[in-house]
Amino acid sequence: MRVAVIGATGRVGSRLATELLSRGHTVTGVALHLPSDDTHRAGLTYVAADATDPAALASALKGHDAVMSATRFVSSDPHALISAIKAAGVPRLLVVGGAGSLEVAPGKALVTTAGFPEVFKPEALAGSRFLQALRDDPDLDWTFLSPSADFAPGTRTGKFRLGGDQLLTDAAGKSHISMEDFAIAMVDELEHPAHRRRRFTVGY
């Protein structure tokens, strides 16, 4: 497939690009600023576009089979992204979500719990609004993949669990996933869709 990755120069986006390339997909990295030459790899090209500008973004996305969005929610505009994808005629959107909107009890999101770091609340709340914007759209083919609470660079193991709207924890009560294994789950979903117009999560 030909896949556009918005935010391909970031920590998660770069790992998505790596996973896609390893499986033979062609990747277009969409970024506000083009990276230096030493980040270029076979099968990967970059296009400069502002993800909050629907017209510019639509031009960059045209001709792709899917879009993966890996940008920060506080600086994103879900309506601009949805508009651009529809204008470009791209059939599918996959979004790198956040853990804050996952439930720790029925109707209770992680972001609302005592002890949730204040520094992360703006991003988590913006992520919740982004997810709601997707749910409110009547016909977009989207998937929103939330990581576990501890989400950082690590090891690609290929061994993890999938869940729905609830935060996953291991036997010790820890909620974690590496960015490398998250990328596997995201590309698996691209290749074998199982969560159309749904959010799901991944963890150990």
N, C-alpha and C. Protein backbone atom coordinates (compact mmCIF):
# COMPACT_ATOMS: atom_id res chain seq x y z
N MET A 1 0.83 -1.19 0.00
CA MET A 1 0.00 0.00 0.00
C MET A 1 0.88 1.26 0.00
N ARG A 2 0.28 2.34 -0.41
CA ARG A 2 0.94 3.63 -0.32
C ARG A 2 0.33 4.36 0.87
N VAL A 3 1.16 4.62 1.88
CA VAL A 3 0.65 5.15 3.15
C VAL A 3 1.32 6.49 3.46
N ALA A 4 0.51 7.48 3.80
CA ALA A 4 1.02 8.77 4.25
C ALA A 4 1.06 8.76 5.77
N VAL A 5 2.20 9.14 6.34
CA VAL A 5 2.34 9.21 7.80
C VAL A 5 2.54 10.67 8.18
N ILE A 6 1.54 11.25 8.82
CA ILE A 6 1.64 12.64 9.28
C ILE A 6 2.40 12.63 10.60
N GLY A 7 3.50 13.36 10.65
CA GLY A 7 4.34 13.33 11.84
C GLY A 7 5.39 12.24 11.77
N ALA A 8 5.82 11.90 10.56
CA ALA A 8 6.76 10.79 10.36
C ALA A 8 8.14 11.05 10.93
N THR A 9 8.46 12.29 11.27
CA THR A 9 9.78 12.59 11.83
C THR A 9 9.78 12.49 13.36
N GLY A 10 8.62 12.26 13.96
CA GLY A 10 8.54 12.16 15.42
C GLY A 10 8.88 10.77 15.93
N ARG A 11 8.83 10.61 17.24
CA ARG A 11 9.23 9.33 17.85
C ARG A 11 8.31 8.19 17.43
N VAL A 12 7.00 8.40 17.47
CA VAL A 12 6.08 7.34 17.08
C VAL A 12 5.98 7.24 15.57
N GLY A 13 5.88 8.38 14.89
CA GLY A 13 5.76 8.39 13.44
C GLY A 13 6.92 7.73 12.74
N SER A 14 8.12 7.93 13.25
CA SER A 14 9.30 7.32 12.62
C SER A 14 9.28 5.81 12.78
N ARG A 15 8.73 5.32 13.88
CA ARG A 15 8.63 3.87 14.09
C ARG A 15 7.52 3.27 13.24
N LEU A 16 6.46 4.02 13.03
CA LEU A 16 5.43 3.56 12.10
C LEU A 16 6.01 3.44 10.70
N ALA A 17 6.78 4.44 10.28
CA ALA A 17 7.40 4.40 8.96
C ALA A 17 8.32 3.20 8.83
N THR A 18 9.11 2.93 9.86
CA THR A 18 10.03 1.79 9.84
C THR A 18 9.28 0.48 9.69
N GLU A 19 8.20 0.32 10.45
CA GLU A 19 7.41 -0.91 10.39
C GLU A 19 6.76 -1.07 9.02
N LEU A 20 6.22 0.01 8.50
CA LEU A 20 5.59 -0.02 7.17
C LEU A 20 6.61 -0.41 6.10
N LEU A 21 7.77 0.20 6.13
CA LEU A 21 8.81 -0.08 5.14
C LEU A 21 9.27 -1.53 5.23
N SER A 22 9.36 -2.05 6.46
CA SER A 22 9.83 -3.44 6.64
C SER A 22 8.86 -4.45 6.04
N ARG A 23 7.60 -4.02 5.84
CA ARG A 23 6.59 -4.92 5.27
C ARG A 23 6.33 -4.62 3.80
N GLY A 24 7.14 -3.77 3.21
CA GLY A 24 7.04 -3.53 1.78
C GLY A 24 6.11 -2.43 1.34
N HIS A 25 5.59 -1.66 2.29
CA HIS A 25 4.73 -0.54 1.92
C HIS A 25 5.56 0.66 1.49
N THR A 26 4.96 1.53 0.71
CA THR A 26 5.59 2.79 0.31
C THR A 26 5.08 3.88 1.22
N VAL A 27 5.98 4.70 1.75
CA VAL A 27 5.61 5.68 2.78
C VAL A 27 5.92 7.10 2.32
N THR A 28 4.96 7.99 2.52
CA THR A 28 5.17 9.42 2.35
C THR A 28 5.10 10.05 3.73
N GLY A 29 6.20 10.64 4.16
CA GLY A 29 6.23 11.33 5.44
C GLY A 29 5.75 12.76 5.26
N VAL A 30 4.69 13.12 5.95
CA VAL A 30 4.14 14.47 5.87
C VAL A 30 4.55 15.22 7.14
N ALA A 31 5.26 16.33 6.96
CA ALA A 31 5.76 17.08 8.11
C ALA A 31 5.73 18.57 7.80
N LEU A 32 5.67 19.37 8.85
CA LEU A 32 5.65 20.82 8.66
C LEU A 32 6.98 21.29 8.09
N HIS A 33 8.07 20.65 8.56
CA HIS A 33 9.40 20.98 8.06
C HIS A 33 10.07 19.71 7.56
N LEU A 34 10.67 19.77 6.38
CA LEU A 34 11.35 18.60 5.82
C LEU A 34 12.59 18.27 6.64
N PRO A 35 12.85 16.97 6.86
CA PRO A 35 14.02 16.57 7.64
C PRO A 35 15.30 16.66 6.82
N SER A 36 16.41 16.47 7.51
CA SER A 36 17.70 16.47 6.82
C SER A 36 17.85 15.21 5.98
N ASP A 37 18.77 15.22 5.02
CA ASP A 37 18.93 14.11 4.08
C ASP A 37 19.26 12.78 4.75
N ASP A 38 19.91 12.84 5.93
CA ASP A 38 20.35 11.59 6.54
C ASP A 38 19.19 10.76 7.11
N THR A 39 17.96 11.29 7.08
CA THR A 39 16.82 10.52 7.55
C THR A 39 16.10 9.81 6.42
N HIS A 40 16.52 10.01 5.18
CA HIS A 40 15.85 9.40 4.04
C HIS A 40 16.19 7.92 3.92
N ARG A 41 15.19 7.12 3.59
CA ARG A 41 15.38 5.69 3.41
C ARG A 41 14.66 5.24 2.16
N ALA A 42 15.08 4.11 1.59
CA ALA A 42 14.44 3.58 0.39
C ALA A 42 12.97 3.33 0.67
N GLY A 43 12.12 3.82 -0.24
CA GLY A 43 10.68 3.63 -0.08
C GLY A 43 10.01 4.73 0.70
N LEU A 44 10.80 5.68 1.22
CA LEU A 44 10.27 6.77 2.03
C LEU A 44 10.61 8.12 1.41
N THR A 45 9.59 8.91 1.16
CA THR A 45 9.79 10.28 0.68
C THR A 45 9.06 11.22 1.62
N TYR A 46 9.46 12.48 1.62
CA TYR A 46 8.85 13.47 2.50
C TYR A 46 8.18 14.57 1.71
N VAL A 47 7.08 15.06 2.26
CA VAL A 47 6.36 16.19 1.70
C VAL A 47 6.10 17.18 2.83
N ALA A 48 6.38 18.45 2.59
CA ALA A 48 6.12 19.47 3.59
C ALA A 48 4.68 19.95 3.47
N ALA A 49 3.93 19.90 4.58
CA ALA A 49 2.54 20.38 4.59
C ALA A 49 2.14 20.66 6.02
N ASP A 50 1.30 21.66 6.19
CA ASP A 50 0.76 22.01 7.50
C ASP A 50 -0.49 21.16 7.74
N ALA A 51 -0.47 20.32 8.76
CA ALA A 51 -1.58 19.40 9.01
C ALA A 51 -2.86 20.11 9.43
N THR A 52 -2.77 21.41 9.74
CA THR A 52 -3.99 22.15 10.11
C THR A 52 -4.54 22.95 8.93
N ASP A 53 -3.91 22.81 7.75
CA ASP A 53 -4.35 23.49 6.53
C ASP A 53 -4.99 22.46 5.61
N PRO A 54 -6.32 22.36 5.56
CA PRO A 54 -6.97 21.30 4.80
C PRO A 54 -6.58 21.24 3.33
N ALA A 55 -6.45 22.39 2.67
CA ALA A 55 -6.13 22.39 1.24
C ALA A 55 -4.72 21.87 0.99
N ALA A 56 -3.76 22.36 1.76
CA ALA A 56 -2.37 21.91 1.60
C ALA A 56 -2.23 20.44 1.96
N LEU A 57 -2.92 20.03 3.01
CA LEU A 57 -2.83 18.63 3.44
C LEU A 57 -3.48 17.71 2.42
N ALA A 58 -4.61 18.10 1.88
CA ALA A 58 -5.29 17.29 0.87
C ALA A 58 -4.40 17.05 -0.33
N SER A 59 -3.67 18.08 -0.73
CA SER A 59 -2.75 17.94 -1.86
C SER A 59 -1.66 16.92 -1.56
N ALA A 60 -1.16 16.92 -0.32
CA ALA A 60 -0.10 15.98 0.06
C ALA A 60 -0.61 14.55 0.20
N LEU A 61 -1.89 14.40 0.53
CA LEU A 61 -2.45 13.07 0.80
C LEU A 61 -3.02 12.38 -0.43
N LYS A 62 -3.27 13.11 -1.47
CA LYS A 62 -3.92 12.55 -2.66
C LYS A 62 -3.11 11.37 -3.22
N GLY A 63 -3.83 10.32 -3.60
CA GLY A 63 -3.18 9.16 -4.21
C GLY A 63 -2.74 8.09 -3.23
N HIS A 64 -2.99 8.28 -1.94
CA HIS A 64 -2.58 7.29 -0.94
C HIS A 64 -3.73 6.33 -0.62
N ASP A 65 -3.36 5.15 -0.14
CA ASP A 65 -4.35 4.15 0.24
C ASP A 65 -4.83 4.33 1.67
N ALA A 66 -3.99 4.96 2.49
CA ALA A 66 -4.34 5.19 3.89
C ALA A 66 -3.47 6.31 4.44
N VAL A 67 -3.96 6.90 5.53
CA VAL A 67 -3.21 7.93 6.25
C VAL A 67 -3.06 7.48 7.70
N MET A 68 -1.86 7.63 8.24
CA MET A 68 -1.64 7.44 9.67
C MET A 68 -1.26 8.80 10.25
N SER A 69 -1.97 9.21 11.28
CA SER A 69 -1.69 10.49 11.93
C SER A 69 -0.99 10.25 13.25
N ALA A 70 0.21 10.82 13.39
CA ALA A 70 1.01 10.64 14.61
C ALA A 70 1.46 11.99 15.15
N THR A 71 0.53 12.94 15.20
CA THR A 71 0.86 14.28 15.67
C THR A 71 0.28 14.51 17.06
N ARG A 72 0.81 15.51 17.75
CA ARG A 72 0.30 15.87 19.07
C ARG A 72 -1.10 16.46 18.92
N PHE A 73 -1.98 16.08 19.83
CA PHE A 73 -3.38 16.52 19.74
C PHE A 73 -3.53 18.01 20.04
N VAL A 74 -2.69 18.54 20.93
CA VAL A 74 -2.84 19.95 21.29
C VAL A 74 -2.54 20.87 20.11
N SER A 75 -1.82 20.37 19.13
CA SER A 75 -1.50 21.18 17.95
C SER A 75 -2.19 20.65 16.70
N SER A 76 -3.19 19.78 16.88
CA SER A 76 -3.90 19.18 15.76
C SER A 76 -5.31 19.75 15.64
N ASP A 77 -5.87 19.64 14.45
CA ASP A 77 -7.25 20.03 14.19
C ASP A 77 -7.93 18.84 13.53
N PRO A 78 -8.74 18.08 14.28
CA PRO A 78 -9.36 16.88 13.69
C PRO A 78 -10.26 17.20 12.51
N HIS A 79 -10.93 18.33 12.56
CA HIS A 79 -11.84 18.68 11.47
C HIS A 79 -11.07 19.01 10.20
N ALA A 80 -9.90 19.66 10.34
CA ALA A 80 -9.06 19.94 9.18
C ALA A 80 -8.55 18.64 8.58
N LEU A 81 -8.16 17.70 9.43
CA LEU A 81 -7.66 16.41 8.95
C LEU A 81 -8.75 15.63 8.24
N ILE A 82 -9.93 15.57 8.85
CA ILE A 82 -11.04 14.84 8.23
C ILE A 82 -11.40 15.46 6.89
N SER A 83 -11.45 16.78 6.84
CA SER A 83 -11.77 17.48 5.60
C SER A 83 -10.75 17.18 4.52
N ALA A 84 -9.46 17.20 4.89
CA ALA A 84 -8.38 16.95 3.92
C ALA A 84 -8.43 15.53 3.38
N ILE A 85 -8.69 14.57 4.25
CA ILE A 85 -8.75 13.17 3.83
C ILE A 85 -9.90 12.94 2.85
N LYS A 86 -11.04 13.53 3.14
CA LYS A 86 -12.18 13.39 2.25
C LYS A 86 -11.92 14.08 0.91
N ALA A 87 -11.33 15.27 0.96
CA ALA A 87 -11.03 15.99 -0.28
C ALA A 87 -10.01 15.24 -1.13
N ALA A 88 -9.07 14.56 -0.46
CA ALA A 88 -8.02 13.82 -1.19
C ALA A 88 -8.52 12.47 -1.68
N GLY A 89 -9.66 12.01 -1.17
CA GLY A 89 -10.19 10.72 -1.59
C GLY A 89 -9.45 9.54 -0.98
N VAL A 90 -8.79 9.73 0.17
CA VAL A 90 -8.10 8.63 0.83
C VAL A 90 -9.12 7.79 1.59
N PRO A 91 -9.14 6.48 1.39
CA PRO A 91 -10.21 5.66 1.96
C PRO A 91 -10.11 5.35 3.44
N ARG A 92 -8.93 5.56 4.08
CA ARG A 92 -8.82 5.11 5.48
C ARG A 92 -7.89 6.01 6.29
N LEU A 93 -8.26 6.24 7.55
CA LEU A 93 -7.45 7.01 8.50
C LEU A 93 -7.19 6.17 9.74
N LEU A 94 -5.92 6.10 10.15
CA LEU A 94 -5.55 5.45 11.40
C LEU A 94 -4.83 6.49 12.26
N VAL A 95 -5.25 6.63 13.51
CA VAL A 95 -4.74 7.69 14.38
C VAL A 95 -4.00 7.10 15.58
N VAL A 96 -2.82 7.64 15.85
CA VAL A 96 -2.09 7.31 17.07
C VAL A 96 -2.78 8.04 18.22
N GLY A 97 -3.46 7.29 19.07
CA GLY A 97 -4.23 7.89 20.14
C GLY A 97 -3.42 8.08 21.41
N GLY A 98 -4.14 8.36 22.50
CA GLY A 98 -3.51 8.52 23.80
C GLY A 98 -4.18 7.60 24.80
N ALA A 99 -3.51 7.40 25.94
CA ALA A 99 -4.05 6.52 26.97
C ALA A 99 -5.04 7.24 27.89
N GLY A 100 -4.98 8.58 27.93
CA GLY A 100 -5.79 9.33 28.88
C GLY A 100 -7.28 9.12 28.76
N SER A 101 -7.74 8.84 27.54
CA SER A 101 -9.19 8.66 27.34
C SER A 101 -9.64 7.23 27.59
N LEU A 102 -8.72 6.31 27.86
CA LEU A 102 -9.10 4.94 28.16
C LEU A 102 -9.78 4.86 29.53
N GLU A 103 -10.69 3.92 29.68
CA GLU A 103 -11.44 3.78 30.93
C GLU A 103 -10.68 2.92 31.95
N VAL A 104 -10.70 3.36 33.19
CA VAL A 104 -10.15 2.56 34.29
C VAL A 104 -11.29 1.95 35.11
N ALA A 105 -12.50 2.43 34.86
CA ALA A 105 -13.75 1.91 35.43
C ALA A 105 -14.86 2.37 34.50
N PRO A 106 -16.02 1.73 34.52
CA PRO A 106 -17.08 2.13 33.60
C PRO A 106 -17.36 3.64 33.65
N GLY A 107 -17.17 4.30 32.52
CA GLY A 107 -17.45 5.72 32.43
C GLY A 107 -16.41 6.62 33.05
N LYS A 108 -15.31 6.07 33.56
CA LYS A 108 -14.26 6.88 34.21
C LYS A 108 -12.95 6.77 33.42
N ALA A 109 -12.54 7.88 32.82
CA ALA A 109 -11.33 7.90 32.01
C ALA A 109 -10.09 8.08 32.88
N LEU A 110 -8.98 7.54 32.41
CA LEU A 110 -7.71 7.65 33.14
C LEU A 110 -7.36 9.10 33.44
N VAL A 111 -7.63 10.01 32.50
CA VAL A 111 -7.26 11.41 32.67
C VAL A 111 -7.98 12.06 33.85
N THR A 112 -9.11 11.50 34.26
CA THR A 112 -9.88 12.10 35.36
C THR A 112 -9.50 11.54 36.73
N THR A 113 -8.57 10.59 36.78
CA THR A 113 -8.20 9.97 38.05
C THR A 113 -7.25 10.84 38.85
N ALA A 114 -7.30 10.69 40.15
CA ALA A 114 -6.38 11.41 41.03
C ALA A 114 -4.95 10.95 40.74
N GLY A 115 -4.05 11.89 40.66
CA GLY A 115 -2.66 11.55 40.41
C GLY A 115 -2.27 11.57 38.95
N PHE A 116 -3.25 11.75 38.04
CA PHE A 116 -2.87 11.87 36.63
C PHE A 116 -2.03 13.14 36.49
N PRO A 117 -0.84 13.05 35.91
CA PRO A 117 0.08 14.20 35.85
C PRO A 117 -0.55 15.42 35.16
N GLU A 118 -0.54 16.55 35.84
CA GLU A 118 -1.11 17.77 35.29
C GLU A 118 -0.48 18.15 33.96
N VAL A 119 0.82 17.89 33.82
CA VAL A 119 1.53 18.28 32.61
C VAL A 119 0.99 17.56 31.37
N PHE A 120 0.40 16.38 31.56
CA PHE A 120 -0.11 15.59 30.43
C PHE A 120 -1.60 15.81 30.17
N LYS A 121 -2.28 16.54 31.06
CA LYS A 121 -3.73 16.68 30.91
C LYS A 121 -4.16 17.41 29.63
N PRO A 122 -3.52 18.51 29.25
CA PRO A 122 -3.96 19.19 28.02
C PRO A 122 -3.92 18.27 26.80
N GLU A 123 -2.86 17.48 26.66
CA GLU A 123 -2.76 16.56 25.52
C GLU A 123 -3.81 15.45 25.62
N ALA A 124 -4.01 14.92 26.83
CA ALA A 124 -4.99 13.84 27.01
C ALA A 124 -6.40 14.33 26.73
N LEU A 125 -6.75 15.51 27.19
CA LEU A 125 -8.09 16.04 26.95
C LEU A 125 -8.30 16.38 25.48
N ALA A 126 -7.25 16.89 24.84
CA ALA A 126 -7.33 17.16 23.40
C ALA A 126 -7.50 15.87 22.62
N GLY A 127 -6.86 14.80 23.10
CA GLY A 127 -7.02 13.50 22.46
C GLY A 127 -8.44 12.98 22.58
N SER A 128 -9.06 13.22 23.72
CA SER A 128 -10.46 12.80 23.91
C SER A 128 -11.38 13.54 22.95
N ARG A 129 -11.11 14.83 22.76
CA ARG A 129 -11.93 15.62 21.82
C ARG A 129 -11.72 15.16 20.39
N PHE A 130 -10.48 14.79 20.07
CA PHE A 130 -10.16 14.28 18.72
C PHE A 130 -10.93 13.00 18.46
N LEU A 131 -10.91 12.09 19.42
CA LEU A 131 -11.63 10.82 19.29
C LEU A 131 -13.13 11.07 19.10
N GLN A 132 -13.67 12.02 19.85
CA GLN A 132 -15.10 12.31 19.73
C GLN A 132 -15.43 12.87 18.35
N ALA A 133 -14.53 13.69 17.80
CA ALA A 133 -14.74 14.24 16.45
C ALA A 133 -14.80 13.12 15.42
N LEU A 134 -13.98 12.10 15.59
CA LEU A 134 -14.03 10.95 14.69
C LEU A 134 -15.35 10.21 14.85
N ARG A 135 -15.75 10.00 16.08
CA ARG A 135 -17.00 9.28 16.33
C ARG A 135 -18.22 10.04 15.80
N ASP A 136 -18.11 11.36 15.79
CA ASP A 136 -19.24 12.17 15.32
C ASP A 136 -19.35 12.21 13.80
N ASP A 137 -18.27 11.86 13.09
CA ASP A 137 -18.33 11.89 11.63
C ASP A 137 -19.15 10.68 11.15
N PRO A 138 -20.10 10.91 10.26
CA PRO A 138 -21.02 9.82 9.88
C PRO A 138 -20.47 8.76 8.94
N ASP A 139 -19.40 9.08 8.19
CA ASP A 139 -19.00 8.11 7.16
C ASP A 139 -17.50 7.88 7.02
N LEU A 140 -16.65 8.57 7.77
CA LEU A 140 -15.21 8.36 7.65
C LEU A 140 -14.81 6.97 8.14
N ASP A 141 -13.95 6.29 7.40
CA ASP A 141 -13.43 4.99 7.81
C ASP A 141 -12.17 5.24 8.65
N TRP A 142 -12.31 5.22 9.97
CA TRP A 142 -11.21 5.57 10.86
C TRP A 142 -10.96 4.47 11.89
N THR A 143 -9.74 4.50 12.44
CA THR A 143 -9.38 3.66 13.58
C THR A 143 -8.48 4.49 14.49
N PHE A 144 -8.70 4.40 15.78
CA PHE A 144 -7.95 5.17 16.78
C PHE A 144 -7.30 4.17 17.72
N LEU A 145 -5.98 4.08 17.70
CA LEU A 145 -5.27 3.10 18.54
C LEU A 145 -4.61 3.80 19.72
N SER A 146 -5.12 3.52 20.92
CA SER A 146 -4.56 4.09 22.14
C SER A 146 -3.46 3.19 22.69
N PRO A 147 -2.32 3.76 23.05
CA PRO A 147 -1.28 2.96 23.71
C PRO A 147 -1.62 2.75 25.17
N SER A 148 -0.83 1.98 25.85
CA SER A 148 -0.95 1.87 27.30
C SER A 148 -0.39 3.14 27.95
N ALA A 149 -0.53 3.24 29.27
CA ALA A 149 -0.16 4.47 29.97
C ALA A 149 1.33 4.79 29.83
N ASP A 150 2.18 3.78 29.96
CA ASP A 150 3.62 3.96 29.81
C ASP A 150 3.96 3.63 28.36
N PHE A 151 4.27 4.66 27.61
CA PHE A 151 4.46 4.53 26.15
C PHE A 151 5.78 5.19 25.79
N ALA A 152 6.77 4.37 25.47
CA ALA A 152 8.12 4.90 25.25
C ALA A 152 8.89 4.02 24.28
N PRO A 153 9.98 4.53 23.71
CA PRO A 153 10.83 3.70 22.86
C PRO A 153 11.30 2.47 23.64
N GLY A 154 11.43 1.36 22.93
CA GLY A 154 11.84 0.14 23.61
C GLY A 154 12.20 -0.95 22.63
N THR A 155 11.74 -2.17 22.93
CA THR A 155 12.08 -3.34 22.14
C THR A 155 10.90 -3.80 21.30
N ARG A 156 11.19 -4.25 20.10
CA ARG A 156 10.17 -4.83 19.23
C ARG A 156 10.07 -6.31 19.54
N THR A 157 9.04 -6.71 20.29
CA THR A 157 8.89 -8.11 20.69
C THR A 157 7.84 -8.84 19.86
N GLY A 158 6.83 -8.14 19.39
CA GLY A 158 5.74 -8.78 18.67
C GLY A 158 4.78 -9.54 19.57
N LYS A 159 4.96 -9.39 20.90
CA LYS A 159 4.10 -10.09 21.86
C LYS A 159 3.37 -9.06 22.71
N PHE A 160 2.06 -8.97 22.53
CA PHE A 160 1.26 -7.99 23.26
C PHE A 160 -0.20 -8.41 23.21
N ARG A 161 -1.05 -7.69 23.94
CA ARG A 161 -2.48 -7.95 23.95
C ARG A 161 -3.22 -6.76 23.36
N LEU A 162 -4.37 -7.02 22.80
CA LEU A 162 -5.24 -5.96 22.31
C LEU A 162 -6.46 -5.86 23.21
N GLY A 163 -6.99 -4.63 23.33
CA GLY A 163 -8.19 -4.42 24.12
C GLY A 163 -9.10 -3.42 23.43
N GLY A 164 -10.15 -3.01 24.13
CA GLY A 164 -11.11 -2.07 23.57
C GLY A 164 -10.94 -0.67 24.14
N ASP A 165 -11.90 -0.24 24.95
CA ASP A 165 -11.86 1.10 25.53
C ASP A 165 -11.29 1.13 26.94
N GLN A 166 -10.89 -0.03 27.46
CA GLN A 166 -10.38 -0.10 28.83
C GLN A 166 -8.85 -0.16 28.85
N LEU A 167 -8.26 0.51 29.83
CA LEU A 167 -6.81 0.49 30.00
C LEU A 167 -6.33 -0.93 30.31
N LEU A 168 -5.32 -1.40 29.59
CA LEU A 168 -4.75 -2.72 29.84
C LEU A 168 -3.63 -2.63 30.87
N THR A 169 -3.58 -3.58 31.79
CA THR A 169 -2.50 -3.68 32.76
C THR A 169 -2.01 -5.12 32.81
N ASP A 170 -0.74 -5.28 33.20
CA ASP A 170 -0.20 -6.64 33.31
C ASP A 170 -0.47 -7.20 34.71
N ALA A 171 0.10 -8.36 34.99
CA ALA A 171 -0.16 -9.03 36.26
C ALA A 171 0.31 -8.21 37.46
N ALA A 172 1.28 -7.34 37.23
CA ALA A 172 1.80 -6.50 38.31
C ALA A 172 1.07 -5.15 38.40
N GLY A 173 0.07 -4.98 37.55
CA GLY A 173 -0.69 -3.74 37.57
C GLY A 173 -0.09 -2.63 36.72
N LYS A 174 0.95 -2.94 35.96
CA LYS A 174 1.60 -1.93 35.13
C LYS A 174 0.95 -1.88 33.75
N SER A 175 0.79 -0.68 33.23
CA SER A 175 0.22 -0.50 31.90
C SER A 175 1.32 0.05 31.00
N HIS A 176 1.80 -0.77 30.07
CA HIS A 176 2.93 -0.31 29.25
C HIS A 176 2.96 -1.00 27.90
N ILE A 177 3.59 -0.32 26.94
CA ILE A 177 3.83 -0.85 25.58
C ILE A 177 4.97 -0.05 24.97
N SER A 178 5.82 -0.72 24.22
CA SER A 178 6.90 -0.01 23.51
C SER A 178 6.34 0.61 22.24
N MET A 179 6.99 1.67 21.79
CA MET A 179 6.57 2.30 20.53
C MET A 179 6.76 1.34 19.36
N GLU A 180 7.74 0.47 19.46
CA GLU A 180 8.00 -0.50 18.40
C GLU A 180 6.87 -1.52 18.30
N ASP A 181 6.38 -2.03 19.43
CA ASP A 181 5.28 -2.98 19.40
C ASP A 181 3.96 -2.28 19.06
N PHE A 182 3.81 -1.04 19.49
CA PHE A 182 2.63 -0.26 19.08
C PHE A 182 2.57 -0.17 17.56
N ALA A 183 3.73 0.06 16.92
CA ALA A 183 3.78 0.17 15.46
C ALA A 183 3.35 -1.13 14.80
N ILE A 184 3.72 -2.26 15.39
CA ILE A 184 3.28 -3.55 14.84
C ILE A 184 1.76 -3.63 14.86
N ALA A 185 1.15 -3.28 16.00
CA ALA A 185 -0.30 -3.36 16.12
C ALA A 185 -1.00 -2.43 15.13
N MET A 186 -0.42 -1.25 14.91
CA MET A 186 -1.03 -0.30 13.99
C MET A 186 -0.96 -0.80 12.55
N VAL A 187 0.18 -1.32 12.14
CA VAL A 187 0.31 -1.80 10.77
C VAL A 187 -0.47 -3.10 10.57
N ASP A 188 -0.57 -3.92 11.60
CA ASP A 188 -1.45 -5.10 11.54
C ASP A 188 -2.88 -4.67 11.22
N GLU A 189 -3.33 -3.60 11.89
CA GLU A 189 -4.69 -3.10 11.69
C GLU A 189 -4.86 -2.57 10.27
N LEU A 190 -3.83 -1.93 9.75
CA LEU A 190 -3.88 -1.44 8.37
C LEU A 190 -4.06 -2.61 7.41
N GLU A 191 -3.27 -3.66 7.60
CA GLU A 191 -3.27 -4.78 6.67
C GLU A 191 -4.48 -5.70 6.85
N HIS A 192 -4.95 -5.82 8.09
CA HIS A 192 -6.08 -6.72 8.38
C HIS A 192 -7.07 -5.97 9.27
N PRO A 193 -7.89 -5.11 8.69
CA PRO A 193 -8.78 -4.25 9.49
C PRO A 193 -9.73 -5.06 10.39
N ALA A 194 -9.69 -4.74 11.67
CA ALA A 194 -10.57 -5.40 12.63
C ALA A 194 -11.27 -4.40 13.54
N HIS A 195 -10.92 -3.11 13.40
CA HIS A 195 -11.48 -2.09 14.29
C HIS A 195 -11.90 -0.85 13.49
N ARG A 196 -12.70 -1.07 12.47
CA ARG A 196 -13.18 0.06 11.67
C ARG A 196 -14.16 0.90 12.48
N ARG A 197 -13.96 2.24 12.43
CA ARG A 197 -14.79 3.20 13.16
C ARG A 197 -14.85 2.86 14.65
N ARG A 198 -13.70 2.43 15.17
CA ARG A 198 -13.60 2.07 16.59
C ARG A 198 -12.24 2.47 17.13
N ARG A 199 -12.20 2.62 18.45
CA ARG A 199 -10.93 2.76 19.16
C ARG A 199 -10.56 1.40 19.77
N PHE A 200 -9.28 1.09 19.76
CA PHE A 200 -8.81 -0.08 20.49
C PHE A 200 -7.49 0.27 21.13
N THR A 201 -6.97 -0.63 21.93
CA THR A 201 -5.73 -0.35 22.67
C THR A 201 -4.81 -1.55 22.61
N VAL A 202 -3.54 -1.32 22.96
CA VAL A 202 -2.53 -2.36 22.93
C VAL A 202 -1.66 -2.24 24.17
N GLY A 203 -1.31 -3.39 24.75
CA GLY A 203 -0.46 -3.39 25.95
C GLY A 203 0.08 -4.77 26.23
N TYR A 204 0.97 -4.83 27.20
CA TYR A 204 1.55 -6.13 27.57
C TYR A 204 0.70 -6.83 28.62
